[in-house]
Amino acid sequence: MNKFKDLYQLQKQAKEIKKKLQNTHIEAEVEGVTAVVDGQQEIISISITDEAHSNKSKVESNLVKALNKAIKRSQQFGAEQMKDVMGDMGLGGGGGLLGGQ
């Protein structure tokens, strides 16, 4: 195998994943509070229903929960994307460059 070719291919795939993560929106809702983040954990939007507005402290708590939930989903999505690339390159699993340690 040509290591330079592999490195170039890995760099190309990393750029593709970054673009995919930027264009992927992940939503999480907790009791009328909705947070949307992209695949790079950047907040895209936050919305609060009229019903959820009635209790400020509950809105604040639910906002934190919704953001954390959306960010966690985003991290899981990103990890899945990287796992696929690493597996394609033979770097994941039990015996590749990153496997087993």
N, C-alpha and C. Protein backbone atom coordinates (compact mmCIF):
# COMPACT_ATOMS: atom_id res chain seq x y z
N MET A 1 0.83 -1.19 0.00
CA MET A 1 0.00 0.00 0.00
C MET A 1 0.88 1.25 0.00
N ASN A 2 0.40 2.23 -0.67
CA ASN A 2 1.10 3.50 -0.72
C ASN A 2 0.60 4.40 0.41
N LYS A 3 1.45 4.65 1.39
CA LYS A 3 1.05 5.42 2.57
C LYS A 3 0.63 6.84 2.22
N PHE A 4 1.30 7.46 1.23
CA PHE A 4 0.93 8.82 0.83
C PHE A 4 -0.45 8.84 0.19
N LYS A 5 -0.73 7.82 -0.60
CA LYS A 5 -2.05 7.72 -1.22
C LYS A 5 -3.12 7.51 -0.15
N ASP A 6 -2.82 6.66 0.83
CA ASP A 6 -3.76 6.43 1.93
C ASP A 6 -4.00 7.71 2.72
N LEU A 7 -2.93 8.45 2.99
CA LEU A 7 -3.04 9.70 3.74
C LEU A 7 -3.88 10.72 2.96
N TYR A 8 -3.64 10.81 1.67
CA TYR A 8 -4.42 11.72 0.82
C TYR A 8 -5.89 11.32 0.84
N GLN A 9 -6.14 10.02 0.72
CA GLN A 9 -7.53 9.53 0.73
C GLN A 9 -8.20 9.83 2.06
N LEU A 10 -7.48 9.65 3.15
CA LEU A 10 -8.02 9.94 4.48
C LEU A 10 -8.34 11.43 4.61
N GLN A 11 -7.45 12.28 4.13
CA GLN A 11 -7.68 13.73 4.18
C GLN A 11 -8.90 14.11 3.35
N LYS A 12 -9.04 13.52 2.20
CA LYS A 12 -10.18 13.78 1.33
C LYS A 12 -11.49 13.36 2.01
N GLN A 13 -11.47 12.20 2.62
CA GLN A 13 -12.67 11.71 3.30
C GLN A 13 -12.99 12.57 4.53
N ALA A 14 -11.97 13.05 5.24
CA ALA A 14 -12.19 13.92 6.39
C ALA A 14 -12.88 15.22 5.97
N LYS A 15 -12.47 15.78 4.83
CA LYS A 15 -13.11 17.00 4.32
C LYS A 15 -14.56 16.74 3.95
N GLU A 16 -14.82 15.58 3.36
CA GLU A 16 -16.18 15.21 3.00
C GLU A 16 -17.05 15.06 4.24
N ILE A 17 -16.49 14.45 5.28
CA ILE A 17 -17.24 14.27 6.52
C ILE A 17 -17.52 15.62 7.16
N LYS A 18 -16.54 16.51 7.18
CA LYS A 18 -16.74 17.84 7.76
C LYS A 18 -17.88 18.56 7.06
N LYS A 19 -17.92 18.48 5.75
CA LYS A 19 -19.00 19.12 5.00
C LYS A 19 -20.34 18.48 5.34
N LYS A 20 -20.34 17.15 5.42
CA LYS A 20 -21.58 16.43 5.77
C LYS A 20 -22.05 16.82 7.17
N LEU A 21 -21.12 16.93 8.11
CA LEU A 21 -21.48 17.31 9.48
C LEU A 21 -22.06 18.72 9.52
N GLN A 22 -21.49 19.63 8.75
CA GLN A 22 -21.99 21.01 8.71
C GLN A 22 -23.40 21.07 8.16
N ASN A 23 -23.72 20.16 7.23
CA ASN A 23 -25.02 20.17 6.57
C ASN A 23 -26.05 19.28 7.24
N THR A 24 -25.68 18.61 8.32
CA THR A 24 -26.60 17.73 9.03
C THR A 24 -27.16 18.46 10.24
N HIS A 25 -28.48 18.55 10.32
CA HIS A 25 -29.13 19.19 11.46
C HIS A 25 -29.77 18.12 12.33
N ILE A 26 -29.51 18.21 13.62
CA ILE A 26 -29.99 17.22 14.58
C ILE A 26 -30.86 17.96 15.59
N GLU A 27 -32.05 17.45 15.80
CA GLU A 27 -33.04 18.12 16.64
C GLU A 27 -33.32 17.30 17.90
N ALA A 28 -33.51 18.01 19.00
CA ALA A 28 -33.93 17.36 20.25
C ALA A 28 -34.97 18.25 20.91
N GLU A 29 -36.01 17.62 21.47
CA GLU A 29 -37.10 18.36 22.10
C GLU A 29 -37.33 17.85 23.51
N VAL A 30 -37.51 18.78 24.44
CA VAL A 30 -37.83 18.44 25.82
C VAL A 30 -38.95 19.37 26.27
N GLU A 31 -40.14 18.81 26.44
CA GLU A 31 -41.30 19.53 26.98
C GLU A 31 -41.51 20.91 26.34
N GLY A 32 -41.55 20.94 25.02
CA GLY A 32 -41.85 22.18 24.32
C GLY A 32 -40.65 23.05 23.99
N VAL A 33 -39.47 22.63 24.40
CA VAL A 33 -38.24 23.36 24.08
C VAL A 33 -37.47 22.50 23.06
N THR A 34 -37.22 23.08 21.89
CA THR A 34 -36.54 22.36 20.82
C THR A 34 -35.22 23.03 20.50
N ALA A 35 -34.17 22.23 20.44
CA ALA A 35 -32.84 22.71 20.07
C ALA A 35 -32.41 21.98 18.81
N VAL A 36 -31.81 22.73 17.88
CA VAL A 36 -31.28 22.15 16.66
C VAL A 36 -29.80 22.51 16.59
N VAL A 37 -28.96 21.48 16.42
CA VAL A 37 -27.52 21.68 16.26
C VAL A 37 -27.10 21.00 14.97
N ASP A 38 -25.94 21.42 14.45
CA ASP A 38 -25.42 20.71 13.29
C ASP A 38 -24.47 19.61 13.76
N GLY A 39 -23.91 18.89 12.83
CA GLY A 39 -23.05 17.76 13.16
C GLY A 39 -21.73 18.16 13.80
N GLN A 40 -21.44 19.46 13.85
CA GLN A 40 -20.23 19.95 14.51
C GLN A 40 -20.56 20.61 15.85
N GLN A 41 -21.73 20.33 16.37
CA GLN A 41 -22.22 20.83 17.66
C GLN A 41 -22.42 22.34 17.71
N GLU A 42 -22.64 22.96 16.56
CA GLU A 42 -22.97 24.39 16.51
C GLU A 42 -24.49 24.51 16.63
N ILE A 43 -24.95 25.42 17.49
CA ILE A 43 -26.39 25.61 17.66
C ILE A 43 -26.94 26.31 16.43
N ILE A 44 -27.97 25.72 15.83
CA ILE A 44 -28.62 26.27 14.65
C ILE A 44 -29.83 27.09 15.07
N SER A 45 -30.66 26.52 15.94
CA SER A 45 -31.85 27.24 16.38
C SER A 45 -32.37 26.68 17.69
N ILE A 46 -33.17 27.52 18.35
CA ILE A 46 -33.86 27.13 19.58
C ILE A 46 -35.28 27.65 19.46
N SER A 47 -36.25 26.81 19.76
CA SER A 47 -37.63 27.27 19.75
C SER A 47 -38.33 26.81 21.02
N ILE A 48 -39.26 27.63 21.46
CA ILE A 48 -40.00 27.35 22.69
C ILE A 48 -41.48 27.56 22.39
N THR A 49 -42.28 26.55 22.66
CA THR A 49 -43.71 26.66 22.40
C THR A 49 -44.35 27.64 23.38
N ASP A 50 -45.51 28.16 23.02
CA ASP A 50 -46.23 29.08 23.90
C ASP A 50 -46.54 28.44 25.25
N GLU A 51 -46.89 27.16 25.24
CA GLU A 51 -47.22 26.46 26.48
C GLU A 51 -46.01 26.38 27.41
N ALA A 52 -44.82 26.22 26.85
CA ALA A 52 -43.61 26.08 27.66
C ALA A 52 -43.16 27.40 28.26
N HIS A 53 -43.63 28.53 27.74
CA HIS A 53 -43.22 29.85 28.23
C HIS A 53 -43.71 30.16 29.64
N SER A 54 -44.70 29.44 30.14
CA SER A 54 -45.35 29.81 31.40
C SER A 54 -44.46 29.70 32.63
N ASN A 55 -43.45 28.87 32.61
CA ASN A 55 -42.61 28.65 33.78
C ASN A 55 -41.14 28.87 33.39
N LYS A 56 -40.61 30.05 33.76
CA LYS A 56 -39.25 30.43 33.35
C LYS A 56 -38.20 29.43 33.80
N SER A 57 -38.24 29.00 35.05
CA SER A 57 -37.20 28.08 35.54
C SER A 57 -37.28 26.74 34.83
N LYS A 58 -38.49 26.29 34.52
CA LYS A 58 -38.65 25.03 33.81
C LYS A 58 -38.15 25.17 32.37
N VAL A 59 -38.39 26.31 31.74
CA VAL A 59 -37.90 26.56 30.39
C VAL A 59 -36.38 26.51 30.37
N GLU A 60 -35.76 27.17 31.35
CA GLU A 60 -34.30 27.18 31.43
C GLU A 60 -33.75 25.77 31.59
N SER A 61 -34.35 25.00 32.47
CA SER A 61 -33.92 23.62 32.70
C SER A 61 -34.10 22.76 31.45
N ASN A 62 -35.25 22.92 30.81
CA ASN A 62 -35.53 22.13 29.60
C ASN A 62 -34.64 22.55 28.44
N LEU A 63 -34.27 23.82 28.40
CA LEU A 63 -33.36 24.30 27.36
C LEU A 63 -32.00 23.61 27.49
N VAL A 64 -31.49 23.56 28.71
CA VAL A 64 -30.22 22.87 28.96
C VAL A 64 -30.33 21.40 28.57
N LYS A 65 -31.43 20.76 28.96
CA LYS A 65 -31.61 19.34 28.63
C LYS A 65 -31.69 19.12 27.12
N ALA A 66 -32.44 19.99 26.42
CA ALA A 66 -32.59 19.84 24.97
C ALA A 66 -31.26 20.07 24.26
N LEU A 67 -30.51 21.07 24.69
CA LEU A 67 -29.20 21.33 24.08
C LEU A 67 -28.24 20.15 24.31
N ASN A 68 -28.19 19.67 25.53
CA ASN A 68 -27.31 18.53 25.83
C ASN A 68 -27.70 17.29 25.02
N LYS A 69 -29.00 17.06 24.89
CA LYS A 69 -29.50 15.92 24.14
C LYS A 69 -29.12 16.05 22.65
N ALA A 70 -29.30 17.24 22.09
CA ALA A 70 -28.97 17.47 20.68
C ALA A 70 -27.47 17.34 20.44
N ILE A 71 -26.67 17.89 21.34
CA ILE A 71 -25.21 17.80 21.19
C ILE A 71 -24.75 16.35 21.29
N LYS A 72 -25.31 15.59 22.21
CA LYS A 72 -24.94 14.18 22.35
C LYS A 72 -25.28 13.41 21.07
N ARG A 73 -26.46 13.67 20.51
CA ARG A 73 -26.83 13.00 19.26
C ARG A 73 -25.87 13.39 18.14
N SER A 74 -25.49 14.65 18.12
CA SER A 74 -24.55 15.15 17.11
C SER A 74 -23.20 14.46 17.25
N GLN A 75 -22.73 14.30 18.47
CA GLN A 75 -21.46 13.62 18.71
C GLN A 75 -21.53 12.16 18.26
N GLN A 76 -22.65 11.51 18.54
CA GLN A 76 -22.82 10.11 18.13
C GLN A 76 -22.82 10.00 16.61
N PHE A 77 -23.49 10.95 15.95
CA PHE A 77 -23.53 10.95 14.49
C PHE A 77 -22.12 11.12 13.92
N GLY A 78 -21.38 12.07 14.46
CA GLY A 78 -20.01 12.31 14.00
C GLY A 78 -19.12 11.10 14.22
N ALA A 79 -19.27 10.45 15.36
CA ALA A 79 -18.47 9.26 15.65
C ALA A 79 -18.80 8.13 14.67
N GLU A 80 -20.07 7.98 14.33
CA GLU A 80 -20.46 6.96 13.36
C GLU A 80 -19.83 7.25 12.00
N GLN A 81 -19.82 8.51 11.60
CA GLN A 81 -19.24 8.88 10.31
C GLN A 81 -17.74 8.55 10.30
N MET A 82 -17.05 8.88 11.35
CA MET A 82 -15.61 8.61 11.43
C MET A 82 -15.33 7.11 11.50
N LYS A 83 -16.17 6.39 12.21
CA LYS A 83 -15.99 4.94 12.33
C LYS A 83 -16.08 4.29 10.96
N ASP A 84 -17.02 4.76 10.14
CA ASP A 84 -17.17 4.21 8.79
C ASP A 84 -15.91 4.46 7.96
N VAL A 85 -15.37 5.67 8.05
CA VAL A 85 -14.16 6.01 7.28
C VAL A 85 -12.98 5.18 7.77
N MET A 86 -12.82 5.11 9.08
CA MET A 86 -11.69 4.37 9.63
C MET A 86 -11.79 2.89 9.25
N GLY A 87 -13.00 2.35 9.26
CA GLY A 87 -13.18 0.96 8.86
C GLY A 87 -12.85 0.75 7.40
N ASP A 88 -13.27 1.69 6.54
CA ASP A 88 -12.97 1.61 5.11
C ASP A 88 -11.47 1.63 4.86
N MET A 89 -10.73 2.34 5.70
CA MET A 89 -9.29 2.48 5.52
C MET A 89 -8.52 1.37 6.26
N GLY A 90 -9.24 0.49 6.96
CA GLY A 90 -8.58 -0.58 7.70
C GLY A 90 -7.93 -0.09 8.98
N LEU A 91 -8.41 1.05 9.52
CA LEU A 91 -7.81 1.62 10.73
C LEU A 91 -8.63 1.34 11.98
N GLY A 92 -9.82 0.83 11.82
CA GLY A 92 -10.65 0.56 12.99
C GLY A 92 -10.64 -0.91 13.33
N GLY A 93 -11.45 -1.29 14.27
CA GLY A 93 -11.57 -2.70 14.61
C GLY A 93 -10.43 -3.21 15.46
N GLY A 94 -10.15 -4.49 15.35
CA GLY A 94 -9.22 -5.14 16.24
C GLY A 94 -7.76 -5.04 15.89
N GLY A 95 -7.39 -4.81 14.62
CA GLY A 95 -6.00 -4.91 14.31
C GLY A 95 -5.40 -3.79 13.53
N GLY A 96 -6.17 -2.78 13.19
CA GLY A 96 -5.66 -1.69 12.38
C GLY A 96 -4.73 -0.78 13.17
N LEU A 97 -4.35 0.31 12.56
CA LEU A 97 -3.45 1.27 13.18
C LEU A 97 -3.98 1.76 14.52
N LEU A 98 -5.29 2.00 14.62
CA LEU A 98 -5.87 2.53 15.85
C LEU A 98 -6.57 1.45 16.67
N GLY A 99 -6.69 0.26 16.14
CA GLY A 99 -7.43 -0.79 16.82
C GLY A 99 -6.61 -1.46 17.91
N GLY A 100 -7.34 -1.98 18.89
CA GLY A 100 -6.73 -2.82 19.90
C GLY A 100 -6.01 -2.10 21.02
N GLN A 101 -5.97 -0.78 21.04
CA GLN A 101 -5.29 -0.10 22.14
C GLN A 101 -6.19 0.88 22.81
